[in-house]
Amino acid sequence: MFTPQGPSLRELAVQALSSVEHGYDLLAPKFDHTPFRTPDSILDAVERALTAMGPFDHGLDLCCGTGAGMEVLRELCRESATGVDISAGMLAVGRDRLSAGSGDRDRNRRDGDRDGDCDRDRDGAAAGAPRLSWVRGDALALPFGPVFDLAVSFGAFGHFLPEQLPGLFAQVHSVLRPGGRFAFPLPAPAPPRSPWYWAALGFDAAMRVRNAVWRPPFVMYYRPFRLGLVRHELERAGFDVELFALPEFGPRPDGSPRCRMVVATRPPTPGHRAAR
């Protein structure tokens, strides 16, 4: 529908009438050929902003999908990067794509660059790159202890209802080391004069009707995840919250950023050195 390699309208309809888990299993082979994948411009901007806060040892990509965020963690983390997602199909695509030795962003960066032929180990990872792990799990019941210095997430928060955010943020807090950071991009909402405003409004309305008349539900809403609510729930979960403008996207007419990076830090415990 979106590109010759992307899903057809029928395939999207079947996915939309499935559960979140099964729907993404169905969509996984063609997901990277849809507009639902986080754009490289956002991934690159977040990577640049986080580079100044590192280095990091162990990273977590929450709701990693096919691994766009894992490409970011591979550049930022020295020892390991772990992706967790509820969809086995999305994990399989991500694992295969990155174990082949590169991701979409790597190919774009190396296009025409002879230096791209770097040494790789038997799993396809560049020599000296962090170890990559892929875990099937529920973001509301993460199967980890407090082992990560950095957690990121890209484009997944629409799958959580507002009343689920306290549990979600508590789970992230529990898997970060003291001083660890949880970072994600948060674009400003589109103004009513923008066609994107009406597209999001119409999509959310259609999903509410779908979920009222069809089971299993498919939770995906664009509009409820707003900065005020997000900051409040992160602070309630015990995080210190900072906002960083992503200058690559410029300001809105009122001077506010078009896109921010939210960085929520688990406060260091007394006598514990903060993660860097």
Protein backbone atom coordinates (compact mmCIF):
# COMPACT_ATOMS: atom_id res chain seq x y z
CA MET A 1 0.00 0.00 0.00
CA PHE A 2 2.77 2.47 0.97
CA THR A 3 5.52 1.08 -1.26
CA PRO A 4 5.71 -1.93 -3.61
CA GLN A 5 7.40 -3.85 -0.77
CA GLY A 6 4.88 -2.75 1.86
CA PRO A 7 1.68 -4.41 3.08
CA SER A 8 -1.47 -4.39 0.98
CA LEU A 9 -4.68 -2.78 2.16
CA ARG A 10 -6.08 -6.23 2.85
CA GLU A 11 -3.05 -7.18 4.94
CA LEU A 12 -3.41 -3.99 6.99
CA ALA A 13 -7.10 -4.71 7.54
CA VAL A 14 -6.35 -8.22 8.80
CA GLN A 15 -3.70 -6.81 11.12
CA ALA A 16 -6.08 -4.16 12.47
CA LEU A 17 -8.65 -6.83 13.33
CA SER A 18 -6.11 -8.88 15.26
CA SER A 19 -4.63 -8.48 18.73
CA VAL A 20 -1.60 -6.23 19.10
CA GLU A 21 0.73 -9.21 19.40
CA HIS A 22 -0.68 -11.21 16.48
CA GLY A 23 -1.18 -8.12 14.35
CA TYR A 24 2.49 -7.23 14.57
CA ASP A 25 3.49 -10.84 13.95
CA LEU A 26 1.58 -10.57 10.66
CA LEU A 27 2.97 -7.15 9.76
CA ALA A 28 6.58 -7.87 10.78
CA PRO A 29 8.03 -8.96 7.39
CA LYS A 30 6.86 -5.69 5.77
CA PHE A 31 6.91 -3.32 8.75
CA ASP A 32 10.08 -1.51 7.71
CA HIS A 33 8.38 -0.58 4.43
CA THR A 34 5.61 1.35 6.17
CA PRO A 35 5.43 4.88 7.64
CA PHE A 36 5.02 3.29 11.08
CA ARG A 37 8.77 2.75 11.41
CA THR A 38 10.45 5.62 13.27
CA PRO A 39 12.13 7.91 10.72
CA ASP A 40 15.91 7.95 10.57
CA SER A 41 15.86 11.71 11.20
CA ILE A 42 14.42 11.13 14.69
CA LEU A 43 16.72 8.20 15.43
CA ASP A 44 19.77 10.22 14.39
CA ALA A 45 18.72 13.26 16.44
CA VAL A 46 18.20 11.19 19.59
CA GLU A 47 21.50 9.40 19.07
CA ARG A 48 23.35 12.70 18.77
CA ALA A 49 21.69 14.09 21.90
CA LEU A 50 22.42 10.98 23.97
CA THR A 51 26.02 10.74 22.81
CA ALA A 52 26.81 13.81 24.92
CA MET A 53 25.35 12.07 28.00
CA GLY A 54 27.27 8.82 27.64
CA PRO A 55 29.08 6.60 27.48
CA PHE A 56 26.68 3.83 28.47
CA ASP A 57 27.44 0.19 29.10
CA HIS A 58 24.11 -1.65 28.92
CA GLY A 59 21.07 -0.43 26.98
CA LEU A 60 17.44 -1.51 26.68
CA ASP A 61 15.15 -0.82 23.71
CA LEU A 62 11.63 -0.97 25.12
CA CYS A 63 9.07 -2.32 22.60
CA CYS A 64 11.90 -2.64 20.10
CA GLY A 65 9.90 -3.91 17.12
CA THR A 66 12.24 -4.61 14.22
CA GLY A 67 15.15 -2.94 15.96
CA ALA A 68 15.35 0.68 14.80
CA GLY A 69 16.20 1.69 18.38
CA MET A 70 18.65 -1.17 18.67
CA GLU A 71 20.68 0.50 15.94
CA VAL A 72 20.88 3.58 18.16
CA LEU A 73 21.92 1.54 21.20
CA ARG A 74 24.54 -0.27 19.16
CA GLU A 75 26.24 3.08 18.64
CA LEU A 76 25.82 4.30 22.22
CA CYS A 77 26.51 1.24 24.38
CA ARG A 78 29.86 -0.40 25.00
CA GLU A 79 28.87 -3.82 26.33
CA SER A 80 25.30 -4.87 25.49
CA ALA A 81 22.03 -3.79 23.89
CA THR A 82 18.81 -5.66 24.61
CA GLY A 83 15.56 -5.38 22.71
CA VAL A 84 12.29 -6.47 24.30
CA ASP A 85 8.98 -6.79 22.46
CA ILE A 86 5.76 -8.74 22.77
CA SER A 87 5.80 -9.78 19.09
CA ALA A 88 7.96 -12.77 18.22
CA GLY A 89 7.63 -11.87 14.54
CA MET A 90 9.00 -8.36 14.99
CA LEU A 91 11.88 -9.69 17.11
CA ALA A 92 12.75 -12.26 14.45
CA VAL A 93 12.91 -9.61 11.73
CA GLY A 94 15.03 -7.33 13.90
CA ARG A 95 17.41 -10.12 14.87
CA ASP A 96 17.86 -11.22 11.27
CA ARG A 97 18.29 -7.67 9.99
CA LEU A 98 20.93 -6.62 12.49
CA SER A 99 22.75 -9.96 12.62
CA ALA A 100 23.23 -9.65 8.85
CA GLY A 101 25.79 -7.00 9.75
CA SER A 102 23.92 -3.76 9.35
CA GLY A 103 20.62 -1.94 9.64
CA ASP A 104 18.90 0.53 7.38
CA ARG A 105 20.69 3.51 8.94
CA ASP A 106 24.07 1.77 8.63
CA ARG A 107 23.50 1.10 4.95
CA ASN A 108 22.54 4.70 4.36
CA ARG A 109 25.63 5.93 6.20
CA ARG A 110 27.96 3.59 4.36
CA ASP A 111 26.49 4.07 0.89
CA GLY A 112 29.50 4.55 -1.34
CA ASP A 113 31.92 4.23 1.59
CA ARG A 114 34.57 1.56 1.14
CA ASP A 115 35.27 1.68 4.87
CA GLY A 116 31.87 0.06 5.44
CA ASP A 117 33.44 -3.38 4.95
CA CYS A 118 34.54 -3.66 8.58
CA ASP A 119 35.48 -6.87 10.32
CA ARG A 120 32.53 -8.71 11.82
CA ASP A 121 32.15 -11.65 14.15
CA ARG A 122 30.22 -14.80 13.33
CA ASP A 123 26.94 -13.20 14.47
CA GLY A 124 27.37 -10.27 12.08
CA ALA A 125 28.27 -7.74 14.76
CA ALA A 126 31.08 -5.32 14.06
CA ALA A 127 34.28 -6.02 15.93
CA GLY A 128 34.12 -4.23 19.27
CA ALA A 129 30.36 -3.66 19.03
CA PRO A 130 28.09 -4.42 21.99
CA ARG A 131 26.45 -7.79 22.37
CA LEU A 132 22.87 -7.78 21.02
CA SER A 133 20.07 -9.71 22.72
CA TRP A 134 16.41 -10.07 21.75
CA VAL A 135 13.83 -10.95 24.40
CA ARG A 136 10.14 -11.67 23.98
CA GLY A 137 8.38 -10.02 26.90
CA ASP A 138 5.67 -7.68 28.10
CA ALA A 139 6.71 -4.09 28.80
CA LEU A 140 4.32 -4.13 31.76
CA ALA A 141 6.15 -7.09 33.31
CA LEU A 142 9.80 -6.74 32.29
CA PRO A 143 11.91 -9.85 32.93
CA PHE A 144 15.02 -7.99 34.10
CA GLY A 145 16.63 -6.69 37.25
CA PRO A 146 18.19 -3.22 37.64
CA VAL A 147 20.98 -3.77 35.13
CA PHE A 148 20.61 -1.05 32.46
CA ASP A 149 22.30 2.34 32.22
CA LEU A 150 20.03 3.51 29.43
CA ALA A 151 16.54 2.64 28.20
CA VAL A 152 15.03 4.06 25.02
CA SER A 153 11.74 3.67 23.23
CA PHE A 154 10.58 4.84 19.81
CA GLY A 155 7.00 5.04 18.59
CA ALA A 156 5.48 2.51 21.01
CA PHE A 157 3.62 4.58 23.59
CA GLY A 158 0.38 4.66 21.61
CA HIS A 159 -0.05 1.01 22.57
CA PHE A 160 -0.55 1.93 26.23
CA LEU A 161 -3.66 3.50 27.68
CA PRO A 162 -3.19 6.47 30.03
CA GLU A 163 -4.10 4.32 33.03
CA GLN A 164 -1.28 1.90 32.11
CA LEU A 165 1.47 4.53 32.18
CA PRO A 166 2.12 4.31 35.95
CA GLY A 167 2.78 0.58 35.63
CA LEU A 168 4.86 1.02 32.50
CA PHE A 169 7.08 3.72 33.97
CA ALA A 170 7.43 1.78 37.24
CA GLN A 171 8.72 -1.18 35.23
CA VAL A 172 11.31 0.95 33.44
CA HIS A 173 12.38 2.48 36.76
CA SER A 174 12.86 -1.01 38.19
CA VAL A 175 15.25 -2.18 35.44
CA LEU A 176 17.51 0.89 35.47
CA ARG A 177 20.55 1.14 37.68
CA PRO A 178 20.63 4.15 40.03
CA GLY A 179 21.54 7.07 37.82
CA GLY A 180 20.27 5.27 34.72
CA ARG A 181 18.31 7.19 32.11
CA PHE A 182 15.09 6.54 30.20
CA ALA A 183 15.02 8.60 26.99
CA PHE A 184 12.53 8.96 24.16
CA PRO A 185 11.50 11.55 21.55
CA LEU A 186 8.20 13.36 21.97
CA PRO A 187 7.01 15.49 19.03
CA ALA A 188 4.77 18.45 19.77
CA PRO A 189 1.09 17.83 18.94
CA ALA A 190 -0.04 19.06 15.55
CA PRO A 191 -2.14 22.25 15.63
CA PRO A 192 -5.79 22.09 14.48
CA ARG A 193 -4.90 23.78 11.20
CA SER A 194 -2.61 20.87 10.31
CA PRO A 195 -3.95 17.88 8.36
CA TRP A 196 -1.97 15.65 10.77
CA TYR A 197 -4.19 16.88 13.61
CA TRP A 198 -7.31 15.67 11.83
CA ALA A 199 -5.65 12.47 10.67
CA ALA A 200 -4.70 11.56 14.25
CA LEU A 201 -8.13 12.55 15.53
CA GLY A 202 -9.84 10.41 12.88
CA PHE A 203 -7.52 7.46 13.47
CA ASP A 204 -8.10 7.49 17.22
CA ALA A 205 -11.86 7.77 16.76
CA ALA A 206 -11.85 4.84 14.34
CA MET A 207 -9.81 2.74 16.77
CA ARG A 208 -12.22 3.50 19.60
CA VAL A 209 -15.15 2.34 17.48
CA ARG A 210 -13.22 -0.74 16.39
CA ASN A 211 -12.37 -1.67 19.97
CA ALA A 212 -15.95 -1.10 21.11
CA VAL A 213 -17.36 -3.61 18.63
CA TRP A 214 -14.53 -6.07 17.98
CA ARG A 215 -12.43 -8.42 20.08
CA PRO A 216 -9.59 -8.81 20.76
CA PRO A 217 -8.79 -5.10 21.18
CA PHE A 218 -5.98 -3.44 19.27
CA VAL A 219 -4.70 -0.61 21.43
CA MET A 220 -3.13 2.15 19.34
CA TYR A 221 -3.96 5.80 19.95
CA TYR A 222 -1.88 8.79 18.89
CA ARG A 223 -3.33 11.66 20.91
CA PRO A 224 -3.38 10.69 24.64
CA PHE A 225 0.43 10.57 25.12
CA ARG A 226 0.97 14.25 25.95
CA LEU A 227 3.88 15.95 27.65
CA GLY A 228 2.02 17.14 30.75
CA LEU A 229 0.64 13.69 31.53
CA VAL A 230 3.90 11.96 30.69
CA ARG A 231 6.00 14.20 32.91
CA HIS A 232 3.56 13.85 35.80
CA GLU A 233 3.53 10.05 35.62
CA LEU A 234 7.32 9.81 35.25
CA GLU A 235 7.80 11.92 38.36
CA ARG A 236 5.23 9.84 40.24
CA ALA A 237 7.25 6.74 39.30
CA GLY A 238 10.33 8.27 40.96
CA PHE A 239 12.17 9.80 38.02
CA ASP A 240 13.85 13.17 37.72
CA VAL A 241 12.67 14.56 34.38
CA GLU A 242 14.53 16.82 31.95
CA LEU A 243 13.48 18.05 28.52
CA PHE A 244 15.89 18.65 25.64
CA ALA A 245 14.91 20.33 22.40
CA LEU A 246 15.98 18.44 19.30
CA PRO A 247 17.23 21.37 17.20
CA GLU A 248 17.18 19.40 13.95
CA PHE A 249 13.39 19.90 13.80
CA GLY A 250 13.34 23.62 14.54
CA PRO A 251 10.81 25.65 16.54
CA ARG A 252 7.06 25.97 16.22
CA PRO A 253 5.59 29.41 15.43
CA ASP A 254 5.31 30.11 19.17
CA GLY A 255 9.01 29.34 19.67
CA SER A 256 8.54 25.99 21.42
CA PRO A 257 10.37 22.93 20.02
CA ARG A 258 8.74 20.85 17.32
CA CYS A 259 10.28 17.79 18.93
CA ARG A 260 11.79 17.19 22.37
CA MET A 261 13.73 14.39 23.91
CA VAL A 262 12.44 13.43 27.33
CA VAL A 263 15.14 12.13 29.68
CA ALA A 264 13.93 10.57 32.91
CA THR A 265 16.70 9.66 35.35
CA ARG A 266 16.46 7.20 38.22
CA PRO A 267 18.07 9.18 41.06
CA PRO A 268 21.37 7.79 42.32
CA THR A 269 21.25 6.20 45.74
CA PRO A 270 23.57 7.65 48.42
CA GLY A 271 27.10 6.44 47.83
CA HIS A 272 26.31 5.13 44.34
CA ARG A 273 28.01 6.72 41.37
CA ALA A 274 25.56 7.80 38.68
CA ALA A 275 25.50 5.97 35.36
CA ARG A 276 27.40 7.72 32.60
